[in-house]
Amino acid sequence: MTTSVIDQDLTIRSAIPADAGLIVRLIAALAEYEKLAHEAKATEADILRDLFGPTPKVFCEIAEFAGEPVGFALWFYTYSTFQGRHGIWLEDLYVDPTMRGRGFGKALLIHLARRCVREGLGRFEWWVLDWNEPSIEFYKGQGGIMQDEWTKVRLDGEALLALGRH
């Protein structure tokens, strides 16, 4: 387990199996904020299997302020064939709206950026919704560069099943 004590009241720690319910609630809150609640289907069983099973492929950091959870970052390793190095993909970053503006989101980013540096990783990437101006400005303020020349492609549902049948 990795833990960063950012100040005397803020701690960032690796999630443990007992956090599965908390992670699901934080995912639901993020989905609600992003107007995507209808897409949030992850269950505690899913989180337990994928984050804490025998071969986890996704990881989570929990931000706690004065011992209470205030946010999370869910991430996994990627690989850049161009760089010939792994990186981190930040799937979700969320801080409770009542706790925003206090540096907790930045602390989560710093925590993961330090992991990238420590492990010699080449990239730290994530998506941000194009309507989410507060987050876009926040990420730019951390040195983030918007990758407007790339278009996201998704294959799921029936289309994924059809392609998978070939």
N, C-alpha and C. Protein backbone atom coordinates (compact mmCIF):
# COMPACT_ATOMS: atom_id res chain seq x y z
N MET A 1 0.84 -1.17 0.00
CA MET A 1 0.00 0.00 0.00
C MET A 1 0.89 1.24 0.00
N THR A 2 0.57 2.19 -0.89
CA THR A 2 1.29 3.45 -0.87
C THR A 2 0.44 4.50 -0.18
N THR A 3 1.11 5.32 0.58
CA THR A 3 0.43 6.40 1.29
C THR A 3 1.26 7.66 1.17
N SER A 4 0.60 8.76 0.89
CA SER A 4 1.25 10.07 0.88
C SER A 4 0.53 10.94 1.90
N VAL A 5 1.27 11.52 2.79
CA VAL A 5 0.69 12.49 3.71
C VAL A 5 1.01 13.86 3.12
N ILE A 6 0.00 14.52 2.61
CA ILE A 6 0.19 15.79 1.92
C ILE A 6 0.33 16.92 2.93
N ASP A 7 -0.50 16.92 3.92
CA ASP A 7 -0.35 17.80 5.06
C ASP A 7 -0.91 17.04 6.26
N GLN A 8 -0.97 17.67 7.39
CA GLN A 8 -1.38 16.92 8.59
C GLN A 8 -2.82 16.41 8.50
N ASP A 9 -3.65 17.00 7.63
CA ASP A 9 -5.04 16.58 7.54
C ASP A 9 -5.39 15.81 6.27
N LEU A 10 -4.53 15.84 5.24
CA LEU A 10 -4.82 15.16 3.99
C LEU A 10 -3.87 14.00 3.78
N THR A 11 -4.46 12.84 3.55
CA THR A 11 -3.70 11.63 3.26
C THR A 11 -4.24 11.02 1.98
N ILE A 12 -3.34 10.51 1.15
CA ILE A 12 -3.74 9.76 -0.03
C ILE A 12 -3.17 8.36 0.15
N ARG A 13 -4.04 7.38 0.03
CA ARG A 13 -3.63 6.00 0.26
C ARG A 13 -4.20 5.10 -0.82
N SER A 14 -3.55 3.97 -1.03
CA SER A 14 -4.07 2.97 -1.94
C SER A 14 -5.33 2.37 -1.35
N ALA A 15 -6.32 2.15 -2.20
CA ALA A 15 -7.56 1.55 -1.74
C ALA A 15 -7.32 0.11 -1.29
N ILE A 16 -8.17 -0.34 -0.39
CA ILE A 16 -8.15 -1.71 0.11
C ILE A 16 -9.53 -2.33 -0.16
N PRO A 17 -9.66 -3.65 -0.09
CA PRO A 17 -10.95 -4.28 -0.39
C PRO A 17 -12.13 -3.70 0.40
N ALA A 18 -11.91 -3.29 1.62
CA ALA A 18 -13.00 -2.72 2.42
C ALA A 18 -13.52 -1.40 1.84
N ASP A 19 -12.79 -0.82 0.88
CA ASP A 19 -13.20 0.44 0.23
C ASP A 19 -14.13 0.22 -0.96
N ALA A 20 -14.44 -1.02 -1.32
CA ALA A 20 -15.22 -1.29 -2.53
C ALA A 20 -16.53 -0.51 -2.56
N GLY A 21 -17.28 -0.50 -1.47
CA GLY A 21 -18.54 0.24 -1.42
C GLY A 21 -18.32 1.74 -1.58
N LEU A 22 -17.30 2.26 -0.93
CA LEU A 22 -16.96 3.68 -1.05
C LEU A 22 -16.62 4.01 -2.51
N ILE A 23 -15.84 3.17 -3.15
CA ILE A 23 -15.44 3.43 -4.55
C ILE A 23 -16.67 3.45 -5.44
N VAL A 24 -17.60 2.52 -5.24
CA VAL A 24 -18.83 2.51 -6.04
C VAL A 24 -19.62 3.80 -5.81
N ARG A 25 -19.71 4.26 -4.57
CA ARG A 25 -20.43 5.51 -4.28
C ARG A 25 -19.73 6.70 -4.94
N LEU A 26 -18.40 6.73 -4.92
CA LEU A 26 -17.68 7.83 -5.55
C LEU A 26 -17.84 7.79 -7.07
N ILE A 27 -17.85 6.60 -7.65
CA ILE A 27 -18.09 6.47 -9.09
C ILE A 27 -19.49 6.99 -9.44
N ALA A 28 -20.47 6.64 -8.63
CA ALA A 28 -21.84 7.10 -8.86
C ALA A 28 -21.93 8.62 -8.76
N ALA A 29 -21.24 9.21 -7.79
CA ALA A 29 -21.24 10.67 -7.65
C ALA A 29 -20.57 11.33 -8.85
N LEU A 30 -19.47 10.76 -9.32
CA LEU A 30 -18.81 11.29 -10.51
C LEU A 30 -19.72 11.18 -11.72
N ALA A 31 -20.36 10.04 -11.90
CA ALA A 31 -21.26 9.84 -13.03
C ALA A 31 -22.40 10.85 -13.00
N GLU A 32 -22.93 11.12 -11.82
CA GLU A 32 -24.00 12.11 -11.67
C GLU A 32 -23.49 13.49 -12.09
N TYR A 33 -22.31 13.87 -11.62
CA TYR A 33 -21.71 15.17 -11.97
C TYR A 33 -21.50 15.29 -13.48
N GLU A 34 -21.07 14.19 -14.11
CA GLU A 34 -20.78 14.21 -15.54
C GLU A 34 -22.02 13.98 -16.41
N LYS A 35 -23.20 13.93 -15.77
CA LYS A 35 -24.46 13.69 -16.46
C LYS A 35 -24.45 12.33 -17.18
N LEU A 36 -23.80 11.36 -16.55
CA LEU A 36 -23.69 10.01 -17.12
C LEU A 36 -24.15 8.94 -16.14
N ALA A 37 -25.02 9.31 -15.22
CA ALA A 37 -25.47 8.35 -14.19
C ALA A 37 -26.05 7.09 -14.82
N HIS A 38 -26.70 7.23 -15.97
CA HIS A 38 -27.30 6.07 -16.66
C HIS A 38 -26.24 5.06 -17.12
N GLU A 39 -24.97 5.48 -17.20
CA GLU A 39 -23.90 4.58 -17.63
C GLU A 39 -23.16 3.91 -16.47
N ALA A 40 -23.37 4.37 -15.27
CA ALA A 40 -22.64 3.84 -14.10
C ALA A 40 -23.30 2.53 -13.65
N LYS A 41 -22.64 1.43 -13.98
CA LYS A 41 -23.19 0.11 -13.66
C LYS A 41 -22.26 -0.71 -12.76
N ALA A 42 -21.09 -0.18 -12.43
CA ALA A 42 -20.12 -0.92 -11.62
C ALA A 42 -20.72 -1.25 -10.25
N THR A 43 -20.46 -2.48 -9.80
CA THR A 43 -20.95 -2.94 -8.50
C THR A 43 -19.75 -3.17 -7.57
N GLU A 44 -20.05 -3.37 -6.31
CA GLU A 44 -18.99 -3.72 -5.36
C GLU A 44 -18.28 -5.00 -5.79
N ALA A 45 -19.03 -5.96 -6.31
CA ALA A 45 -18.42 -7.21 -6.77
C ALA A 45 -17.44 -6.95 -7.92
N ASP A 46 -17.81 -6.04 -8.82
CA ASP A 46 -16.91 -5.69 -9.93
C ASP A 46 -15.62 -5.07 -9.39
N ILE A 47 -15.77 -4.16 -8.45
CA ILE A 47 -14.60 -3.47 -7.88
C ILE A 47 -13.72 -4.47 -7.13
N LEU A 48 -14.33 -5.33 -6.34
CA LEU A 48 -13.55 -6.34 -5.61
C LEU A 48 -12.79 -7.25 -6.57
N ARG A 49 -13.46 -7.68 -7.64
CA ARG A 49 -12.82 -8.57 -8.61
C ARG A 49 -11.66 -7.88 -9.33
N ASP A 50 -11.90 -6.66 -9.82
CA ASP A 50 -10.94 -6.02 -10.71
C ASP A 50 -9.82 -5.25 -10.02
N LEU A 51 -10.08 -4.72 -8.83
CA LEU A 51 -9.04 -3.99 -8.11
C LEU A 51 -8.31 -4.84 -7.08
N PHE A 52 -8.97 -5.90 -6.61
CA PHE A 52 -8.39 -6.65 -5.49
C PHE A 52 -8.33 -8.15 -5.73
N GLY A 53 -8.60 -8.58 -6.95
CA GLY A 53 -8.52 -10.00 -7.28
C GLY A 53 -7.07 -10.45 -7.39
N PRO A 54 -6.85 -11.68 -7.84
CA PRO A 54 -5.49 -12.23 -7.89
C PRO A 54 -4.55 -11.50 -8.85
N THR A 55 -5.09 -10.90 -9.93
CA THR A 55 -4.24 -10.18 -10.88
C THR A 55 -4.89 -8.83 -11.22
N PRO A 56 -4.85 -7.88 -10.29
CA PRO A 56 -5.49 -6.59 -10.55
C PRO A 56 -4.85 -5.87 -11.74
N LYS A 57 -5.70 -5.24 -12.53
CA LYS A 57 -5.24 -4.49 -13.68
C LYS A 57 -5.64 -3.02 -13.59
N VAL A 58 -6.31 -2.68 -12.52
CA VAL A 58 -6.74 -1.30 -12.28
C VAL A 58 -6.54 -1.02 -10.80
N PHE A 59 -6.27 0.25 -10.47
CA PHE A 59 -5.87 0.61 -9.11
C PHE A 59 -6.60 1.88 -8.69
N CYS A 60 -6.64 2.13 -7.40
CA CYS A 60 -7.38 3.28 -6.89
C CYS A 60 -6.66 3.90 -5.71
N GLU A 61 -6.62 5.22 -5.71
CA GLU A 61 -6.09 5.99 -4.59
C GLU A 61 -7.27 6.73 -3.95
N ILE A 62 -7.29 6.75 -2.64
CA ILE A 62 -8.34 7.43 -1.88
C ILE A 62 -7.73 8.63 -1.18
N ALA A 63 -8.35 9.79 -1.36
CA ALA A 63 -7.94 11.00 -0.64
C ALA A 63 -8.82 11.12 0.60
N GLU A 64 -8.17 11.29 1.75
CA GLU A 64 -8.90 11.45 3.01
C GLU A 64 -8.47 12.75 3.68
N PHE A 65 -9.44 13.52 4.11
CA PHE A 65 -9.18 14.76 4.83
C PHE A 65 -9.72 14.58 6.24
N ALA A 66 -8.86 14.76 7.22
CA ALA A 66 -9.23 14.57 8.63
C ALA A 66 -9.87 13.20 8.84
N GLY A 67 -9.35 12.19 8.12
CA GLY A 67 -9.82 10.82 8.29
C GLY A 67 -11.06 10.46 7.50
N GLU A 68 -11.64 11.42 6.76
CA GLU A 68 -12.86 11.17 5.99
C GLU A 68 -12.55 11.18 4.50
N PRO A 69 -13.11 10.24 3.73
CA PRO A 69 -12.85 10.23 2.29
C PRO A 69 -13.44 11.46 1.61
N VAL A 70 -12.63 12.09 0.75
CA VAL A 70 -13.09 13.28 0.02
C VAL A 70 -12.96 13.13 -1.49
N GLY A 71 -12.28 12.07 -1.94
CA GLY A 71 -12.13 11.89 -3.38
C GLY A 71 -11.35 10.64 -3.70
N PHE A 72 -11.21 10.40 -5.01
CA PHE A 72 -10.48 9.22 -5.45
C PHE A 72 -9.90 9.43 -6.84
N ALA A 73 -8.91 8.61 -7.15
CA ALA A 73 -8.34 8.54 -8.49
C ALA A 73 -8.26 7.06 -8.85
N LEU A 74 -8.89 6.67 -9.94
CA LEU A 74 -8.86 5.30 -10.40
C LEU A 74 -8.03 5.27 -11.68
N TRP A 75 -7.04 4.35 -11.75
CA TRP A 75 -6.06 4.40 -12.83
C TRP A 75 -5.57 3.01 -13.22
N PHE A 76 -4.88 2.94 -14.35
CA PHE A 76 -4.23 1.70 -14.78
C PHE A 76 -3.03 2.05 -15.64
N TYR A 77 -2.18 1.05 -15.85
CA TYR A 77 -0.99 1.24 -16.67
C TYR A 77 -1.34 1.14 -18.15
N THR A 78 -0.66 1.94 -18.96
CA THR A 78 -0.77 1.90 -20.41
C THR A 78 0.62 1.61 -20.97
N TYR A 79 0.71 1.57 -22.28
CA TYR A 79 2.02 1.41 -22.91
C TYR A 79 2.06 2.25 -24.18
N SER A 80 3.12 3.02 -24.35
CA SER A 80 3.33 3.81 -25.56
C SER A 80 4.34 3.09 -26.44
N THR A 81 3.89 2.65 -27.60
CA THR A 81 4.83 2.02 -28.53
C THR A 81 5.82 3.05 -29.06
N PHE A 82 5.41 4.31 -29.17
CA PHE A 82 6.32 5.34 -29.66
C PHE A 82 7.44 5.60 -28.65
N GLN A 83 7.09 5.67 -27.37
CA GLN A 83 8.09 5.92 -26.34
C GLN A 83 8.80 4.65 -25.89
N GLY A 84 8.17 3.51 -26.10
CA GLY A 84 8.73 2.26 -25.59
C GLY A 84 8.71 2.22 -24.07
N ARG A 85 7.67 2.85 -23.49
CA ARG A 85 7.57 2.92 -22.03
C ARG A 85 6.10 2.86 -21.61
N HIS A 86 5.92 2.37 -20.41
CA HIS A 86 4.59 2.38 -19.81
C HIS A 86 4.24 3.80 -19.37
N GLY A 87 2.95 3.99 -19.12
CA GLY A 87 2.44 5.24 -18.57
C GLY A 87 1.27 4.92 -17.66
N ILE A 88 0.63 5.96 -17.18
CA ILE A 88 -0.57 5.80 -16.36
C ILE A 88 -1.73 6.48 -17.08
N TRP A 89 -2.84 5.77 -17.15
CA TRP A 89 -4.10 6.34 -17.63
C TRP A 89 -4.98 6.58 -16.41
N LEU A 90 -5.36 7.82 -16.20
CA LEU A 90 -6.26 8.20 -15.12
C LEU A 90 -7.68 8.06 -15.64
N GLU A 91 -8.36 7.02 -15.23
CA GLU A 91 -9.72 6.77 -15.70
C GLU A 91 -10.71 7.72 -15.04
N ASP A 92 -10.58 7.91 -13.75
CA ASP A 92 -11.49 8.79 -13.02
C ASP A 92 -10.75 9.56 -11.94
N LEU A 93 -11.08 10.84 -11.82
CA LEU A 93 -10.61 11.69 -10.73
C LEU A 93 -11.84 12.42 -10.23
N TYR A 94 -12.08 12.33 -8.93
CA TYR A 94 -13.27 12.96 -8.37
C TYR A 94 -12.98 13.44 -6.97
N VAL A 95 -13.44 14.66 -6.70
CA VAL A 95 -13.39 15.23 -5.36
C VAL A 95 -14.80 15.70 -5.03
N ASP A 96 -15.26 15.38 -3.84
CA ASP A 96 -16.58 15.79 -3.39
C ASP A 96 -16.75 17.30 -3.63
N PRO A 97 -17.88 17.71 -4.24
CA PRO A 97 -18.07 19.13 -4.55
C PRO A 97 -17.92 20.06 -3.35
N THR A 98 -18.27 19.59 -2.16
CA THR A 98 -18.16 20.45 -0.98
C THR A 98 -16.70 20.63 -0.54
N MET A 99 -15.80 19.82 -1.11
CA MET A 99 -14.39 19.87 -0.72
C MET A 99 -13.49 20.40 -1.83
N ARG A 100 -14.07 20.82 -2.93
CA ARG A 100 -13.27 21.32 -4.05
C ARG A 100 -12.67 22.68 -3.73
N GLY A 101 -11.59 22.98 -4.45
CA GLY A 101 -10.93 24.27 -4.27
C GLY A 101 -9.93 24.27 -3.11
N ARG A 102 -9.68 23.11 -2.53
CA ARG A 102 -8.78 23.03 -1.37
C ARG A 102 -7.49 22.29 -1.71
N GLY A 103 -7.32 21.93 -3.00
CA GLY A 103 -6.08 21.29 -3.42
C GLY A 103 -6.10 19.78 -3.41
N PHE A 104 -7.26 19.16 -3.15
CA PHE A 104 -7.32 17.71 -3.06
C PHE A 104 -7.16 17.04 -4.42
N GLY A 105 -7.78 17.62 -5.46
CA GLY A 105 -7.61 17.08 -6.81
C GLY A 105 -6.17 17.19 -7.26
N LYS A 106 -5.57 18.33 -7.00
CA LYS A 106 -4.16 18.52 -7.35
C LYS A 106 -3.28 17.53 -6.59
N ALA A 107 -3.60 17.29 -5.33
CA ALA A 107 -2.82 16.34 -4.53
C ALA A 107 -2.90 14.93 -5.12
N LEU A 108 -4.08 14.54 -5.60
CA LEU A 108 -4.22 13.23 -6.25
C LEU A 108 -3.38 13.16 -7.52
N LEU A 109 -3.40 14.23 -8.31
CA LEU A 109 -2.57 14.27 -9.52
C LEU A 109 -1.09 14.19 -9.18
N ILE A 110 -0.67 14.95 -8.17
CA ILE A 110 0.73 14.93 -7.75
C ILE A 110 1.13 13.53 -7.31
N HIS A 111 0.27 12.89 -6.54
CA HIS A 111 0.54 11.53 -6.05
C HIS A 111 0.82 10.58 -7.22
N LEU A 112 -0.03 10.65 -8.27
CA LEU A 112 0.16 9.77 -9.42
C LEU A 112 1.34 10.20 -10.29
N ALA A 113 1.57 11.50 -10.40
CA ALA A 113 2.74 11.98 -11.15
C ALA A 113 4.03 11.52 -10.47
N ARG A 114 4.05 11.52 -9.16
CA ARG A 114 5.22 11.02 -8.43
C ARG A 114 5.44 9.53 -8.72
N ARG A 115 4.36 8.78 -8.82
CA ARG A 115 4.47 7.36 -9.16
C ARG A 115 5.10 7.23 -10.55
N CYS A 116 4.64 8.04 -11.49
CA CYS A 116 5.21 8.01 -12.85
C CYS A 116 6.71 8.28 -12.81
N VAL A 117 7.11 9.30 -12.07
CA VAL A 117 8.53 9.65 -11.98
C VAL A 117 9.31 8.53 -11.31
N ARG A 118 8.79 8.04 -10.20
CA ARG A 118 9.47 6.98 -9.43
C ARG A 118 9.66 5.71 -10.26
N GLU A 119 8.67 5.37 -11.08
CA GLU A 119 8.71 4.14 -11.86
C GLU A 119 9.28 4.34 -13.27
N GLY A 120 9.70 5.57 -13.59
CA GLY A 120 10.27 5.83 -14.91
C GLY A 120 9.27 5.72 -16.04
N LEU A 121 8.02 6.07 -15.77
CA LEU A 121 6.96 5.99 -16.78
C LEU A 121 7.03 7.20 -17.70
N GLY A 122 6.54 7.04 -18.93
CA GLY A 122 6.69 8.09 -19.93
C GLY A 122 5.52 9.04 -20.07
N ARG A 123 4.33 8.64 -19.60
CA ARG A 123 3.14 9.47 -19.81
C ARG A 123 2.18 9.35 -18.63
N PHE A 124 1.39 10.41 -18.49
CA PHE A 124 0.28 10.45 -17.53
C PHE A 124 -0.85 11.11 -18.30
N GLU A 125 -1.90 10.36 -18.60
CA GLU A 125 -2.95 10.85 -19.49
C GLU A 125 -4.34 10.59 -18.92
N TRP A 126 -5.31 11.35 -19.46
CA TRP A 126 -6.71 11.15 -19.09
C TRP A 126 -7.58 11.94 -20.05
N TRP A 127 -8.88 11.68 -20.02
CA TRP A 127 -9.88 12.42 -20.76
C TRP A 127 -10.52 13.47 -19.85
N VAL A 128 -11.02 14.52 -20.47
CA VAL A 128 -11.88 15.47 -19.76
C VAL A 128 -13.01 15.83 -20.73
N LEU A 129 -14.22 15.87 -20.23
CA LEU A 129 -15.36 16.21 -21.08
C LEU A 129 -15.22 17.63 -21.60
N ASP A 130 -15.54 17.83 -22.87
CA ASP A 130 -15.29 19.13 -23.49
C ASP A 130 -16.14 20.26 -22.91
N TRP A 131 -17.23 19.96 -22.22
CA TRP A 131 -18.06 20.99 -21.61
C TRP A 131 -17.61 21.34 -20.19
N ASN A 132 -16.68 20.57 -19.65
CA ASN A 132 -16.29 20.72 -18.25
C ASN A 132 -15.17 21.77 -18.11
N GLU A 133 -15.54 23.03 -18.33
CA GLU A 133 -14.56 24.12 -18.31
C GLU A 133 -13.77 24.23 -17.00
N PRO A 134 -14.41 24.08 -15.83
CA PRO A 134 -13.61 24.17 -14.59
C PRO A 134 -12.48 23.13 -14.56
N SER A 135 -12.79 21.90 -14.98
CA SER A 135 -11.75 20.86 -14.99
C SER A 135 -10.71 21.11 -16.06
N ILE A 136 -11.13 21.57 -17.23
CA ILE A 136 -10.17 21.88 -18.30
C ILE A 136 -9.19 22.93 -17.82
N GLU A 137 -9.69 23.98 -17.22
CA GLU A 137 -8.80 25.05 -16.73
C GLU A 137 -7.89 24.54 -15.61
N PHE A 138 -8.44 23.71 -14.74
CA PHE A 138 -7.64 23.12 -13.66
C PHE A 138 -6.50 22.29 -14.25
N TYR A 139 -6.81 21.42 -15.21
CA TYR A 139 -5.78 20.56 -15.80
C TYR A 139 -4.73 21.38 -16.55
N LYS A 140 -5.17 22.41 -17.26
CA LYS A 140 -4.21 23.28 -17.94
C LYS A 140 -3.29 23.94 -16.92
N GLY A 141 -3.85 24.31 -15.78
CA GLY A 141 -3.06 24.93 -14.71
C GLY A 141 -2.01 24.00 -14.13
N GLN A 142 -2.20 22.70 -14.32
CA GLN A 142 -1.21 21.72 -13.84
C GLN A 142 -0.20 21.37 -14.93
N GLY A 143 -0.32 22.02 -16.08
CA GLY A 143 0.58 21.74 -17.20
C GLY A 143 0.01 20.79 -18.23
N GLY A 144 -1.26 20.40 -18.06
CA GLY A 144 -1.90 19.49 -19.01
C GLY A 144 -2.06 20.13 -20.38
N ILE A 145 -1.87 19.34 -21.40
CA ILE A 145 -1.99 19.80 -22.78
C ILE A 145 -3.18 19.08 -23.40
N MET A 146 -4.14 19.85 -23.91
CA MET A 146 -5.30 19.27 -24.55
C MET A 146 -4.87 18.65 -25.88
N GLN A 147 -5.31 17.44 -26.13
CA GLN A 147 -4.94 16.68 -27.34
C GLN A 147 -6.10 16.72 -28.33
N ASP A 148 -6.40 17.89 -28.85
CA ASP A 148 -7.57 18.06 -29.71
C ASP A 148 -7.47 17.34 -31.05
N GLU A 149 -6.28 16.97 -31.46
CA GLU A 149 -6.13 16.33 -32.76
C GLU A 149 -6.51 14.84 -32.74
N TRP A 150 -6.81 14.30 -31.57
CA TRP A 150 -7.17 12.89 -31.44
C TRP A 150 -8.68 12.77 -31.25
N THR A 151 -9.26 11.76 -31.84
CA THR A 151 -10.67 11.47 -31.66
C THR A 151 -10.81 10.13 -30.96
N LYS A 152 -11.55 10.13 -29.90
CA LYS A 152 -11.78 8.90 -29.14
C LYS A 152 -12.66 7.96 -29.95
N VAL A 153 -12.34 6.70 -29.92
CA VAL A 153 -13.14 5.67 -30.59
C VAL A 153 -13.57 4.67 -29.53
N ARG A 154 -14.84 4.30 -29.55
CA ARG A 154 -15.34 3.31 -28.59
C ARG A 154 -16.12 2.25 -29.35
N LEU A 155 -15.91 1.02 -28.95
CA LEU A 155 -16.67 -0.10 -29.48
C LEU A 155 -17.24 -0.83 -28.27
N ASP A 156 -18.56 -0.89 -28.17
CA ASP A 156 -19.18 -1.61 -27.06
C ASP A 156 -20.54 -2.16 -27.48
N GLY A 157 -21.21 -2.81 -26.56
CA GLY A 157 -22.54 -3.33 -26.83
C GLY A 157 -22.60 -4.26 -28.02
N GLU A 158 -23.64 -4.11 -28.84
CA GLU A 158 -23.86 -4.99 -30.00
C GLU A 158 -22.71 -4.91 -30.99
N ALA A 159 -22.17 -3.72 -31.22
CA ALA A 159 -21.07 -3.58 -32.18
C ALA A 159 -19.85 -4.38 -31.73
N LEU A 160 -19.55 -4.36 -30.44
CA LEU A 160 -18.43 -5.13 -29.91
C LEU A 160 -18.69 -6.63 -30.07
N LEU A 161 -19.90 -7.06 -29.72
CA LEU A 161 -20.26 -8.47 -29.86
C LEU A 161 -20.17 -8.91 -31.32
N ALA A 162 -20.65 -8.09 -32.23
CA ALA A 162 -20.62 -8.44 -33.67
C ALA A 162 -19.17 -8.57 -34.15
N LEU A 163 -18.32 -7.63 -33.82
CA LEU A 163 -16.94 -7.71 -34.25
C LEU A 163 -16.24 -8.91 -33.61
N GLY A 164 -16.54 -9.18 -32.36
CA GLY A 164 -15.95 -10.29 -31.64
C GLY A 164 -16.36 -11.66 -32.18
N ARG A 165 -17.47 -11.72 -32.90
CA ARG A 165 -17.95 -12.98 -33.47
C ARG A 165 -17.19 -13.37 -34.73
N HIS A 166 -16.49 -12.40 -35.35
CA HIS A 166 -15.76 -12.70 -36.62
C HIS A 166 -14.62 -13.62 -36.37
